Protein backbone atom coordinates (compact mmCIF):
# COMPACT_ATOMS: atom_id res chain seq x y z
CA UNK A 1 -0.06 0.06 0.00
CA UNK A 2 1.19 3.46 -0.86
CA UNK A 3 -0.47 6.09 1.04
CA UNK A 4 0.32 9.81 1.05
CA UNK A 5 -1.72 11.47 3.85
CA UNK A 6 -0.91 14.44 5.80
CA UNK A 7 -1.32 13.79 9.58
CA UNK A 8 -4.63 14.59 10.81
CA UNK A 9 -5.12 18.02 12.39
CA UNK A 10 -7.17 18.95 15.36
CA UNK A 11 -7.73 22.30 16.75
CA UNK A 12 -9.81 22.64 19.98
CA UNK A 13 -10.53 24.94 22.82
CA UNK A 14 -12.41 24.70 26.17
CA UNK A 15 -13.70 27.28 28.53
CA UNK A 16 -15.31 26.94 32.07
CA UNK A 17 -17.00 29.38 34.39
CA UNK A 18 -17.49 28.78 38.12
CA UNK A 19 -20.21 30.87 39.92
CA UNK A 20 -19.70 32.21 43.36
CA UNK A 21 -21.15 29.58 45.94
CA UNK A 22 -24.71 29.67 46.52
CA UNK A 23 -25.78 28.94 50.15
CA UNK A 24 -29.16 27.15 50.93
CA UNK A 25 -29.73 23.67 51.99
CA UNK A 26 -26.05 23.37 52.01
CA UNK A 27 -23.55 25.06 49.56
CA UNK A 28 -23.90 24.84 45.75
CA UNK A 29 -20.92 25.33 43.62
CA UNK A 30 -22.13 25.79 40.01
CA UNK A 31 -20.06 25.47 36.95
CA UNK A 32 -20.76 25.80 33.28
CA UNK A 33 -18.47 24.95 30.36
CA UNK A 34 -18.22 24.24 26.60
CA UNK A 35 -15.62 22.70 24.05
CA UNK A 36 -15.34 23.23 20.47
CA UNK A 37 -13.11 21.36 18.21
CA UNK A 38 -12.34 21.17 14.41
CA UNK A 39 -10.59 18.19 12.79
CA UNK A 40 -9.59 17.38 9.04
CA UNK A 41 -7.75 14.54 7.50
CA UNK A 42 -6.67 14.54 3.72
CA UNK A 43 -4.69 11.98 1.81
CA UNK A 44 -4.25 9.67 -1.44
CA UNK A 45 -4.34 6.09 -1.24
CA UNK A 46 -2.78 3.81 -4.05
CA UNK A 47 -2.41 0.00 -3.50
CA UNK A 48 -0.07 -2.34 -5.46
CA UNK A 49 -1.25 -5.52 -6.68
CA UNK A 50 -0.39 -8.77 -4.72
CA UNK A 51 0.10 -12.31 -5.83
CA UNK A 52 0.06 -15.30 -3.37
CA UNK A 53 1.98 -18.27 -4.87
CA UNK A 54 2.68 -21.89 -3.85
CA UNK A 55 6.04 -23.35 -3.28
CA UNK A 56 6.53 -23.91 -6.98
CA UNK A 57 5.80 -20.42 -7.73
CA UNK A 58 2.27 -21.04 -9.31
CA UNK A 59 -0.06 -18.22 -8.53
CA UNK A 60 -2.78 -19.21 -6.07
CA UNK A 61 -4.50 -15.75 -5.43
CA UNK A 62 -4.30 -12.30 -7.18
CA UNK A 63 -5.39 -9.29 -5.33
CA UNK A 64 -5.75 -5.92 -7.34
CA UNK A 65 -7.29 -2.83 -6.33
CA UNK A 66 -9.42 -0.30 -7.91
CA UNK A 67 -8.22 3.13 -8.93
CA UNK A 68 -6.39 5.36 -6.50
CA UNK A 69 -8.51 7.35 -4.22
CA UNK A 70 -8.20 10.84 -2.55
CA UNK A 71 -10.05 11.64 0.46
CA UNK A 72 -10.72 14.64 2.50
CA UNK A 73 -12.71 14.54 5.78
CA UNK A 74 -13.49 17.26 8.31
CA UNK A 75 -15.55 17.42 11.43
CA UNK A 76 -16.79 19.92 14.06
CA UNK A 77 -17.61 18.92 17.57
CA UNK A 78 -19.39 21.02 20.21
CA UNK A 79 -20.16 20.25 23.78
CA UNK A 80 -21.70 21.98 26.72
CA UNK A 81 -21.91 21.01 30.41
CA UNK A 82 -23.44 22.17 33.62
CA UNK A 83 -22.61 20.87 36.98
CA UNK A 84 -23.65 21.52 40.58
CA UNK A 85 -21.31 20.44 43.20
CA UNK A 86 -23.47 20.34 46.28
CA UNK A 87 -21.97 20.10 49.77
CA UNK A 88 -25.06 18.78 51.72
CA UNK A 89 -23.12 18.60 55.05
CA UNK A 90 -19.40 18.47 56.03
CA UNK A 91 -19.60 14.55 55.65
CA UNK A 92 -21.54 14.33 52.27
CA UNK A 93 -21.24 16.08 48.91
CA UNK A 94 -23.35 15.26 45.74
CA UNK A 95 -22.45 16.29 42.21
CA UNK A 96 -25.28 16.49 39.54
CA UNK A 97 -24.68 17.61 36.14
CA UNK A 98 -25.49 17.15 32.33
CA UNK A 99 -23.42 17.29 29.21
CA UNK A 100 -24.45 17.60 25.78
CA UNK A 101 -22.33 16.64 22.77
CA UNK A 102 -22.86 17.11 18.95
CA UNK A 103 -20.52 15.79 16.13
CA UNK A 104 -21.17 17.28 12.73
CA UNK A 105 -19.89 14.21 10.60
CA UNK A 106 -22.05 11.72 12.52
CA UNK A 107 -25.02 13.77 12.89
CA UNK A 108 -25.18 12.81 16.44
CA UNK A 109 -26.64 14.88 19.37
CA UNK A 110 -26.05 13.34 22.84
CA UNK A 111 -27.27 14.07 26.25
CA UNK A 112 -25.14 12.70 29.13
CA UNK A 113 -26.73 12.91 32.66
CA UNK A 114 -24.28 12.34 35.57
CA UNK A 115 -24.39 12.00 39.33
CA UNK A 116 -21.83 11.14 42.05
CA UNK A 117 -21.34 11.44 45.67
CA UNK A 118 -18.65 11.44 48.28
CA UNK A 119 -19.51 10.38 51.77
CA UNK A 120 -17.09 10.62 54.95
CA UNK A 121 -18.53 8.29 57.60
CA UNK A 122 -15.90 9.33 60.13
CA UNK A 123 -13.52 12.20 60.08
CA UNK A 124 -11.02 10.36 62.38
CA UNK A 125 -10.44 7.43 60.07
CA UNK A 126 -9.94 9.42 56.74
CA UNK A 127 -12.21 6.88 54.87
CA UNK A 128 -14.32 8.36 52.08
CA UNK A 129 -16.90 6.29 50.13
CA UNK A 130 -17.50 7.63 46.51
CA UNK A 131 -19.70 6.39 43.88
CA UNK A 132 -21.45 7.80 40.73
CA UNK A 133 -23.41 6.89 37.58
CA UNK A 134 -23.78 8.44 34.32
CA UNK A 135 -23.90 8.15 30.49
CA UNK A 136 -20.47 8.58 28.77
CA UNK A 137 -19.81 8.86 24.96
CA UNK A 138 -16.76 9.21 22.73
CA UNK A 139 -16.52 10.76 19.62
CA UNK A 140 -16.40 8.84 16.26
CA UNK A 141 -12.83 9.06 14.71
CA UNK A 142 -12.46 10.53 11.28
CA UNK A 143 -10.73 7.46 9.80
CA UNK A 144 -14.09 5.55 10.19
CA UNK A 145 -15.48 7.92 7.63
CA UNK A 146 -12.57 7.37 5.28
CA UNK A 147 -13.07 3.65 4.99
CA UNK A 148 -15.62 4.14 2.02
CA UNK A 149 -12.94 6.20 0.12
CA UNK A 150 -10.45 3.45 0.24
CA UNK A 151 -9.71 1.58 -3.09
CA UNK A 152 -11.88 -1.74 -3.69
CA UNK A 153 -9.95 -4.91 -3.40
CA UNK A 154 -10.53 -7.37 -6.22
CA UNK A 155 -9.63 -10.99 -5.48
CA UNK A 156 -9.26 -13.75 -7.95
CA UNK A 157 -8.35 -17.45 -7.01
CA UNK A 158 -6.36 -19.91 -9.36
CA UNK A 159 -5.61 -23.51 -9.37
CA UNK A 160 -2.06 -24.84 -9.65
CA UNK A 161 -2.39 -24.66 -13.61
CA UNK A 162 -3.10 -21.02 -13.60
CA UNK A 163 -6.84 -21.55 -14.34
CA UNK A 164 -9.37 -19.25 -12.57
CA UNK A 165 -11.20 -21.32 -9.79
CA UNK A 166 -13.26 -18.51 -8.28
CA UNK A 167 -13.81 -14.65 -8.63
CA UNK A 168 -12.83 -12.12 -9.33
CA UNK A 169 -14.78 -11.00 -6.16
CA UNK A 170 -14.88 -7.22 -5.26
CA UNK A 171 -14.70 -6.26 -1.54
């Protein structure tokens, strides 16, 4: 395979804002934030033919590829979140939050609620019990959207006499 591809580029930025704590039924520490990223990947793929031969040098399988292909893929991702770190008592804190994520290339828009807690049963032992639940997502990488731009693979099978036994098949 000969591939001429520039390394993928990604530019991103994040910003967070924490509000002054609010007092009432404990202490609430509110935070908002956002994330924005742009990615792109370009390249040119050209595959070379492959022959698989037996010990006598007879061709058994021939693999060729359709024309060389160029690809250019880009994406924009946006994410926003809100969180309340609620100190209920000096021994119990609860985190409540939600995050939204959008990815242009996949057309996905996801909402991910989250909740966690930290409880200190006894300040003398230093033990802290923590737990949490939530939905977590990851972005779809750009190379997934490049697969359909790769050259097709054409496979032909031969017997020991050079006669085609199967194919050609396009993958």
